[in-house]
Protein backbone atom coordinates (compact mmCIF):
# COMPACT_ATOMS: atom_id res chain seq x y z
CA MET A 1 78.79 127.54 86.49
CA THR A 2 82.10 127.29 88.31
CA LYS A 3 85.39 125.62 87.51
CA LEU A 4 85.75 123.24 90.42
CA SER A 5 89.10 122.75 92.16
CA GLU A 6 90.24 121.03 95.33
CA ASP A 7 90.71 124.45 96.99
CA TYR A 8 87.19 125.46 95.97
CA LEU A 9 85.77 122.26 97.52
CA LYS A 10 87.65 122.88 100.77
CA ALA A 11 86.14 126.37 100.99
CA LEU A 12 82.56 125.29 100.22
CA GLU A 13 80.11 126.51 102.83
CA PRO A 14 77.27 124.08 103.62
CA PRO A 15 73.71 125.40 103.29
CA GLN A 16 71.60 125.88 106.40
CA LYS A 17 68.98 123.53 104.99
CA GLY A 18 68.34 121.51 101.85
CA ARG A 19 71.06 120.60 99.39
CA ARG A 20 73.24 122.86 97.29
CA ILE A 21 74.50 121.69 93.89
CA VAL A 22 77.38 123.33 92.00
CA PHE A 23 78.01 122.23 88.42
CA ASP A 24 81.54 122.06 87.01
CA ASP A 25 82.60 124.25 84.09
CA HIS A 26 86.07 122.72 83.76
CA LYS A 27 87.07 121.65 80.24
CA ASN A 28 87.58 118.04 81.40
CA ALA A 29 84.22 117.83 83.16
CA PRO A 30 81.50 115.75 81.47
CA ARG A 31 78.12 117.34 80.86
CA GLY A 32 76.04 117.47 84.05
CA PHE A 33 78.98 116.84 86.40
CA GLY A 34 79.09 118.69 89.71
CA VAL A 35 79.08 118.47 93.51
CA ARG A 36 76.30 118.32 96.09
CA ILE A 37 76.82 119.69 99.60
CA THR A 38 74.46 119.02 102.50
CA PRO A 39 73.90 120.95 105.74
CA SER A 40 76.17 118.44 107.53
CA GLY A 41 79.06 119.49 105.27
CA THR A 42 79.21 116.27 103.24
CA VAL A 43 80.37 116.94 99.68
CA SER A 44 79.53 114.35 97.02
CA PHE A 45 80.20 114.24 93.30
CA VAL A 46 77.08 113.90 91.14
CA LEU A 47 76.13 113.59 87.47
CA ARG A 48 72.83 114.96 86.23
CA TYR A 49 71.35 113.44 83.09
CA LEU A 50 68.12 112.89 81.17
CA THR A 51 66.90 109.43 80.24
CA LYS A 52 65.68 108.58 76.72
CA ASP A 53 62.11 109.22 77.84
CA GLY A 54 62.98 112.59 79.36
CA LYS A 55 63.26 111.69 83.08
CA ASP A 56 65.62 113.90 85.09
CA ARG A 57 68.17 111.82 87.06
CA MET A 58 70.82 112.76 89.63
CA LEU A 59 73.48 110.04 89.88
CA THR A 60 75.79 110.02 92.90
CA ILE A 61 79.38 109.15 91.98
CA GLY A 62 80.85 109.23 95.48
CA GLU A 63 81.86 111.32 98.45
CA TRP A 64 84.78 113.76 98.30
CA GLY A 65 87.44 113.72 100.98
CA GLU A 66 90.36 111.84 102.51
CA ASN A 67 90.36 108.20 101.38
CA GLN A 68 87.28 108.95 99.24
CA TRP A 69 86.97 110.37 95.72
CA SER A 70 89.32 113.06 94.44
CA LEU A 71 88.03 115.67 92.02
CA ALA A 72 90.14 114.30 89.13
CA ALA A 73 89.04 110.70 89.72
CA ALA A 74 85.38 111.73 89.98
CA ARG A 75 85.58 113.70 86.73
CA LYS A 76 87.07 110.67 85.00
CA GLN A 77 84.39 108.35 86.39
CA GLY A 78 81.72 110.87 85.43
CA GLY A 79 83.06 110.79 81.88
CA GLU A 80 82.73 107.00 81.80
CA TYR A 81 79.17 107.23 83.06
CA ARG A 82 78.37 109.91 80.48
CA LYS A 83 79.52 107.60 77.66
CA GLN A 84 77.15 104.89 78.92
CA ILE A 85 74.28 107.37 79.27
CA ASP A 86 74.82 108.79 75.78
CA SER A 87 74.61 105.20 74.50
CA GLY A 88 71.16 104.87 76.02
CA ALA A 89 71.87 103.49 79.50
CA ASP A 90 69.89 104.59 82.57
CA ILE A 91 72.47 103.90 85.25
CA LEU A 92 70.25 104.78 88.22
CA GLU A 93 67.49 102.47 87.05
CA GLU A 94 70.01 99.68 86.47
CA ARG A 95 71.33 100.17 90.00
CA ARG A 96 67.84 100.05 91.45
CA ALA A 97 67.05 96.83 89.60
CA LEU A 98 70.32 95.31 90.75
CA ARG A 99 69.72 96.29 94.38
CA ALA A 100 66.28 94.74 94.26
CA GLU A 101 67.68 91.38 93.16
CA LEU A 102 71.05 91.04 94.91
CA THR A 103 71.13 88.44 97.67
CA VAL A 104 73.43 88.51 100.68
CA ALA A 105 75.58 85.86 98.97
CA ASP A 106 75.79 87.99 95.78
CA THR A 107 76.82 91.02 97.81
CA VAL A 108 79.44 89.08 99.74
CA LYS A 109 81.04 87.98 96.43
CA ARG A 110 81.25 91.61 95.32
CA PHE A 111 82.59 92.61 98.74
CA TYR A 112 85.44 90.08 98.39
CA VAL A 113 86.74 91.69 95.18
CA GLY A 114 89.93 93.63 95.93
CA LYS A 115 90.20 92.20 99.45
CA ARG A 116 91.92 88.91 98.72
CA ASP A 117 95.35 90.36 99.51
CA LEU A 118 94.26 91.61 102.92
CA GLU A 119 95.68 89.86 105.94
CA SER A 120 92.17 89.41 107.35
CA PHE A 121 90.59 88.04 104.15
CA ARG A 122 90.80 84.35 105.05
CA ASP A 123 89.23 85.01 108.44
CA ILE A 124 86.43 87.13 106.96
CA ARG A 125 85.61 84.44 104.39
CA CYS A 126 85.73 81.68 107.01
CA VAL A 127 83.37 83.53 109.38
CA PHE A 128 80.91 84.42 106.61
CA GLU A 129 80.86 80.89 105.18
CA LYS A 130 80.35 79.35 108.61
CA TYR A 131 77.68 81.68 109.99
CA LEU A 132 76.36 84.40 107.66
CA LEU A 133 75.84 82.59 104.35
CA PRO A 134 74.11 79.43 105.68
CA GLN A 135 71.52 81.55 107.50
CA LEU A 136 71.10 84.68 105.36
CA GLY A 137 72.88 83.93 102.08
CA LYS A 138 69.70 83.50 100.01
CA LYS A 139 67.95 86.52 101.51
CA ARG A 140 67.79 89.68 99.40
CA ILE A 141 70.33 92.12 100.81
CA ARG A 142 67.84 95.01 100.90
CA THR A 143 65.43 93.00 103.07
CA VAL A 144 67.95 92.19 105.83
CA ARG A 145 66.98 93.88 109.07
CA ARG A 146 68.73 94.52 112.35
CA ARG A 147 66.69 91.75 113.99
CA ASP A 148 68.01 89.23 111.42
CA ILE A 149 71.61 89.97 112.40
CA ILE A 150 70.79 89.85 116.12
CA ALA A 151 68.98 86.50 115.71
CA MET A 152 72.05 85.11 113.94
CA ILE A 153 74.59 86.38 116.51
CA ASP A 154 72.66 85.84 119.77
CA PRO A 155 73.12 82.03 119.91
CA LEU A 156 76.90 82.49 119.54
CA VAL A 157 77.29 85.02 122.34
CA GLN A 158 77.28 82.47 125.15
CA THR A 159 79.03 79.58 123.40
CA HIS A 160 81.54 81.33 121.09
CA PRO A 161 81.75 85.01 122.10
CA ARG A 162 84.93 85.66 120.12
CA GLN A 163 83.33 84.33 116.92
CA ALA A 164 80.20 86.34 117.66
CA GLY A 165 82.29 89.49 117.96
CA LYS A 166 84.05 88.79 114.69
CA LEU A 167 80.78 88.06 112.92
CA LEU A 168 79.28 91.36 114.08
CA GLY A 169 82.41 93.30 113.10
CA TYR A 170 82.60 91.75 109.64
CA CYS A 171 78.86 92.28 109.08
CA LYS A 172 79.37 95.96 109.90
CA GLN A 173 82.12 96.12 107.26
CA LEU A 174 79.95 94.36 104.68
CA PHE A 175 76.89 96.58 105.14
CA ALA A 176 78.94 99.79 105.37
CA TRP A 177 80.53 98.82 102.04
CA ALA A 178 77.09 98.06 100.57
CA GLU A 179 75.73 101.40 101.82
CA ASP A 180 78.65 103.31 100.24
CA ARG A 181 77.80 101.69 96.89
CA GLU A 182 74.07 102.31 97.31
CA ILE A 183 73.29 98.59 97.31
CA VAL A 184 71.36 99.21 100.54
CA GLU A 185 69.80 102.48 101.65
CA ALA A 186 71.33 102.24 105.11
CA SER A 187 73.30 99.68 107.10
CA PRO A 188 70.98 97.79 109.49
CA VAL A 189 73.85 97.21 111.91
CA ALA A 190 75.59 100.60 111.91
CA THR A 191 74.46 101.40 115.46
CA LEU A 192 74.50 97.84 116.81
CA ARG A 193 77.08 97.71 119.60
CA ALA A 194 78.88 94.59 120.74
CA SER A 195 78.82 95.86 124.33
CA ASN A 196 75.00 95.66 124.31
CA MET A 197 74.84 92.08 123.08
CA GLY A 198 76.29 90.14 125.96
CA LYS A 199 79.25 89.76 128.27
CA GLY A 200 82.39 88.50 126.58
CA LEU A 201 81.40 89.58 123.07
CA THR A 202 83.88 92.43 122.99
CA SER A 203 87.55 91.52 123.11
CA SER A 204 90.55 93.63 123.97
CA LYS A 205 92.97 94.48 121.21
CA ARG A 206 96.02 92.27 120.92
CA ALA A 207 99.08 93.99 122.38
CA ARG A 208 101.79 91.29 122.12
CA VAL A 209 105.31 92.57 121.46
CA LEU A 210 108.52 90.55 121.39
CA SER A 211 110.95 90.90 124.27
CA ASP A 212 114.62 91.62 123.55
CA ASP A 213 115.42 87.94 124.13
CA GLU A 214 112.71 86.89 121.68
CA LEU A 215 113.95 89.40 119.11
CA ARG A 216 117.49 88.09 119.49
CA ALA A 217 116.33 84.49 119.08
CA PHE A 218 114.20 85.29 116.03
CA TRP A 219 116.87 87.33 114.26
CA GLY A 220 119.61 84.81 114.93
CA ARG A 221 117.71 81.60 114.16
CA VAL A 222 115.06 82.32 111.52
CA ASP A 223 117.42 81.71 108.59
CA ASP A 224 118.61 78.25 109.67
CA CYS A 225 115.67 76.81 111.62
CA GLY A 226 114.33 74.94 108.57
CA MET A 227 111.80 77.57 107.47
CA HIS A 228 111.42 78.31 103.74
CA LYS A 229 114.02 80.98 103.02
CA LEU A 230 111.62 83.44 101.36
CA THR A 231 109.17 83.12 104.25
CA ALA A 232 111.99 83.88 106.68
CA LEU A 233 113.08 86.88 104.64
CA ALA A 234 109.50 88.20 104.47
CA LEU A 235 109.20 87.96 108.26
CA ARG A 236 112.48 89.85 108.63
CA MET A 237 111.15 92.54 106.29
CA VAL A 238 108.00 92.98 108.43
CA LEU A 239 110.18 93.61 111.47
CA VAL A 240 112.62 95.95 109.70
CA THR A 241 110.01 98.08 107.88
CA ALA A 242 107.14 97.94 110.43
CA GLN A 243 104.64 97.23 107.64
CA ARG A 244 101.73 94.77 107.58
CA PRO A 245 102.58 91.12 106.81
CA GLY A 246 100.10 91.08 103.92
CA GLU A 247 101.67 94.16 102.34
CA VAL A 248 105.16 92.72 102.71
CA ALA A 249 104.10 89.31 101.35
CA GLY A 250 102.73 90.90 98.16
CA MET A 251 105.73 93.20 97.65
CA ARG A 252 106.77 93.63 93.99
CA TRP A 253 109.97 94.85 92.38
CA ASP A 254 108.11 97.50 90.37
CA GLU A 255 107.02 99.08 93.69
CA ILE A 256 110.65 99.83 94.60
CA LYS A 257 112.56 102.83 93.27
CA ASP A 258 115.48 104.89 94.61
CA LYS A 259 115.57 103.03 97.94
CA VAL A 260 111.87 103.67 98.56
CA TRP A 261 109.09 101.10 98.53
CA THR A 262 105.67 102.46 97.53
CA VAL A 263 102.80 100.26 98.68
CA PRO A 264 99.98 100.89 96.18
CA ALA A 265 96.53 101.85 97.40
CA SER A 266 95.12 98.59 96.02
CA ARG A 267 97.18 96.58 98.53
CA ARG A 268 96.69 98.80 101.55
CA GLY A 269 94.69 96.83 104.10
CA LYS A 270 92.85 99.52 106.01
CA THR A 271 93.26 102.66 103.93
CA ASN A 272 92.74 103.66 100.32
CA ASP A 273 95.91 105.63 99.66
CA GLU A 274 99.44 104.61 98.70
CA HIS A 275 102.18 104.57 101.33
CA THR A 276 105.93 105.15 100.97
CA VAL A 277 108.47 103.21 103.03
CA PRO A 278 112.15 104.26 102.98
CA LEU A 279 114.41 101.20 102.75
CA THR A 280 117.34 100.97 105.14
CA ALA A 281 120.57 99.10 104.45
CA THR A 282 119.20 96.03 106.25
CA ALA A 283 116.00 96.12 104.20
CA GLU A 284 118.03 96.34 100.99
CA ALA A 285 120.13 93.36 102.08
CA ILE A 286 116.92 91.37 102.62
CA LEU A 287 115.78 92.34 99.12
CA GLU A 288 119.03 91.18 97.54
CA ALA A 289 118.85 87.87 99.41
CA ALA A 290 115.27 87.43 98.17
CA ARG A 291 116.28 88.29 94.60
CA ALA A 292 119.03 85.65 94.67
CA GLU A 293 116.71 83.00 96.14
CA VAL A 294 113.94 83.67 93.60
CA ALA A 295 116.48 83.53 90.77
CA ARG A 296 117.75 80.18 92.08
CA LEU A 297 114.24 78.73 92.34
CA SER A 298 113.21 80.10 88.94
CA LYS A 299 116.24 78.53 87.30
CA ARG A 300 115.40 75.19 88.89
CA ARG A 301 111.75 75.50 87.80
CA HIS A 302 112.68 76.73 84.30
CA LYS A 303 110.28 79.66 84.71
CA LYS A 304 110.88 83.40 84.72
CA PRO A 305 110.14 85.30 87.95
CA SER A 306 106.77 87.04 87.99
CA GLY A 307 107.98 90.21 89.70
CA HIS A 308 107.06 89.34 93.30
CA VAL A 309 109.93 89.93 95.73
CA PHE A 310 109.05 86.90 97.86
CA GLU A 311 107.89 84.53 95.09
CA SER A 312 107.78 81.21 96.93
CA HIS A 313 105.77 79.43 94.20
CA PRO A 314 105.70 79.99 90.42
CA GLY A 315 103.83 83.26 89.86
CA ALA A 316 102.71 83.55 93.50
CA PRO A 317 104.28 85.22 96.54
CA VAL A 318 104.48 83.82 100.03
CA SER A 319 101.09 84.13 101.77
CA THR A 320 100.29 85.53 105.20
CA ALA A 321 98.85 82.12 106.08
CA ALA A 322 102.19 80.49 105.24
CA MET A 323 103.98 83.05 107.39
CA SER A 324 101.70 82.31 110.35
CA LYS A 325 102.04 78.55 109.94
CA ALA A 326 105.83 78.81 109.71
CA VAL A 327 106.03 80.83 112.94
CA MET A 328 103.98 78.20 114.75
CA ARG A 329 105.76 75.24 113.16
CA TYR A 330 109.20 76.51 114.10
CA ALA A 331 108.15 78.05 117.41
CA LYS A 332 110.52 75.88 119.43
CA ALA A 333 113.53 76.63 117.20
CA LEU A 334 112.74 80.36 117.40
CA ALA A 335 112.22 80.19 121.19
CA ASN A 336 108.68 81.43 120.57
CA GLN A 337 107.20 80.38 123.87
CA PRO A 338 103.94 81.54 125.50
CA ASP A 339 104.48 84.78 127.35
CA GLY A 340 101.48 85.92 129.34
CA PRO A 341 97.81 85.65 128.35
CA GLU A 342 98.40 86.32 124.64
CA GLY A 343 100.75 83.38 124.18
CA GLN A 344 103.16 82.94 121.31
CA TRP A 345 103.90 85.82 119.00
CA ARG A 346 102.47 85.97 115.49
CA PRO A 347 103.70 87.68 112.29
CA HIS A 348 101.65 90.84 112.90
CA ASP A 349 103.26 91.13 116.34
CA LEU A 350 106.56 91.84 114.54
CA ARG A 351 104.97 95.02 113.15
CA ARG A 352 103.72 96.02 116.61
CA THR A 353 107.17 95.30 118.03
CA ALA A 354 108.75 97.56 115.41
CA ARG A 355 106.26 100.34 116.22
CA THR A 356 107.13 99.99 119.89
CA GLY A 357 110.81 99.96 119.00
CA LEU A 358 110.45 103.21 117.08
CA ALA A 359 109.18 104.90 120.22
CA ALA A 360 111.97 103.34 122.28
CA ALA A 361 114.50 104.68 119.75
CA GLY A 362 113.35 108.26 120.40
CA VAL A 363 110.99 108.66 117.42
CA SER A 364 108.04 110.97 118.00
CA ALA A 365 104.56 109.44 117.95
CA GLU A 366 103.62 111.56 114.93
CA VAL A 367 106.53 110.29 112.83
CA ALA A 368 106.17 106.70 114.07
CA GLU A 369 102.51 106.68 112.99
CA ALA A 370 103.59 107.99 109.59
CA VAL A 371 106.12 105.16 109.33
CA VAL A 372 103.54 102.43 109.93
CA GLY A 373 101.07 104.16 107.62
CA HIS A 374 98.24 104.88 110.03
CA VAL A 375 95.75 107.49 108.80
CA ARG A 376 95.90 110.76 110.70
CA PRO A 377 92.48 111.36 112.26
CA GLY A 378 89.96 114.12 111.71
CA VAL A 379 90.74 117.60 110.39
CA ARG A 380 94.43 117.07 110.92
CA GLY A 381 94.43 114.22 108.41
CA VAL A 382 92.65 116.38 105.83
CA TYR A 383 94.87 119.45 106.08
CA ASP A 384 98.27 118.01 107.08
CA ARG A 385 99.53 116.70 103.73
CA HIS A 386 103.21 116.55 104.70
CA GLY A 387 104.65 113.22 103.55
CA TYR A 388 107.29 112.86 106.31
CA ASP A 389 109.65 111.18 103.82
CA HIS A 390 112.85 112.44 105.44
CA GLU A 391 111.57 111.87 108.97
CA LYS A 392 110.46 108.32 108.13
CA ARG A 393 113.91 107.43 106.81
CA VAL A 394 115.63 108.83 109.90
CA ALA A 395 113.16 106.95 112.11
CA LEU A 396 113.60 103.59 110.37
CA GLU A 397 117.38 103.96 110.50
CA ALA A 398 117.11 104.61 114.25
CA TRP A 399 114.96 101.46 114.63
CA GLU A 400 117.46 99.53 112.51
CA ARG A 401 120.33 100.52 114.80
CA ARG A 402 118.33 99.54 117.87
CA LEU A 403 117.27 96.20 116.38
CA LEU A 404 120.81 95.26 115.36
CA ARG A 405 122.17 96.14 118.80
CA ILE A 406 119.54 93.88 120.36
CA ALA A 407 120.43 91.11 117.90
CA GLU A 408 124.09 91.46 118.86
CA GLY A 409 123.26 91.22 122.55
CA LYS A 410 124.15 94.84 123.32
CA ARG A 411 122.25 97.42 125.33
CA ALA A 412 119.62 98.84 123.02
CA GLU A 413 119.15 101.88 125.28
CA ASP A 414 122.57 103.17 124.26
CA ASN A 415 120.99 103.95 120.88
CA VAL A 416 118.20 106.24 122.15
CA VAL A 417 118.48 109.82 120.92
CA PRO A 418 115.65 112.32 120.27
CA ILE A 419 115.34 112.69 116.48
CA MET A 420 112.12 114.66 116.05
CA GLY A 421 113.81 117.85 114.86
CA GLU A 422 116.59 116.27 112.86
CA LYS A 423 117.13 117.62 109.34
């Protein structure tokens, strides 16, 4: 046997055919723990065990790689499984029985767990409750076929193409999630393309950014337009940090240390890794204003703060829905008027505006993508593990200077300097 390591896994050569299994001889590895590599190069962690009646089982823990299972996490999970097995459990058989009985509605409930903080959660739930669950909710998840999804979506294509597109996209997410957890053998909609289901089903990505005049109006009026102060401060933080509204809304004091905010993996909307955000002087001023406002409200409510930075209600932070409603409610005061086909700006457009502003401030695309926390694609994302901490701070400070010049009515272009090689 071999003592597995991350370097060893990176160097693993896939077999020409069949599957190769390497068992782990590390002192922390549970009995039967190892990795399986296929001809395609996919490496998965496995646990081999015998049932009480002597049946040989090979349990898949999960796939190794970026945003998947790490070796340490898989060893730990394998240890938990081994405890259950040694107590008499047959985990594979239990999974098979569960898959055979789970309905679409049951699976959707499991899919929701851990996604309630996502900005898109309310929309996903609304679409599923309106279309998916009434038609397929009682159907066993393993019996759903491609034709079932097409029959559900087809009537919407002509009448509500945008909703049809959303429904297809969210169904793809649901079944991909179910496939990863071996609830279904394979997603029935993995290869179903929106472009093949009717004109108007696909929609272009939103590209709305705020103009300098809109930025100036927002920055100068958001505090005294009548909006809840913590909602206003959260919107400011989205613009200053270039992070997702949902991540900002759920921000906690224990995530902040030494002028750096670490967004935990559990609250990252589209990735499964934590993300560090350097805090500029303006961001710190927003935090102090939020701290003072929460302290004032807590004193009035006679309740201690729960630890949320933007705690608008006892024990609960401001929500993304509240942020969106506030932007629409105070649109006139913020001079948020329709501008082109995409109309009024929304909270997420502040993040896009900040990303655009980073580029305008001379920040390289590579560093700007690191600032907003986008996953680097392909091989580059696997092997480039540089954290860009220094570069991200320099970039956000450059964006801060540009934003404040715009807010003051000055020429933002005077602030543009190349910063890619700055140390």
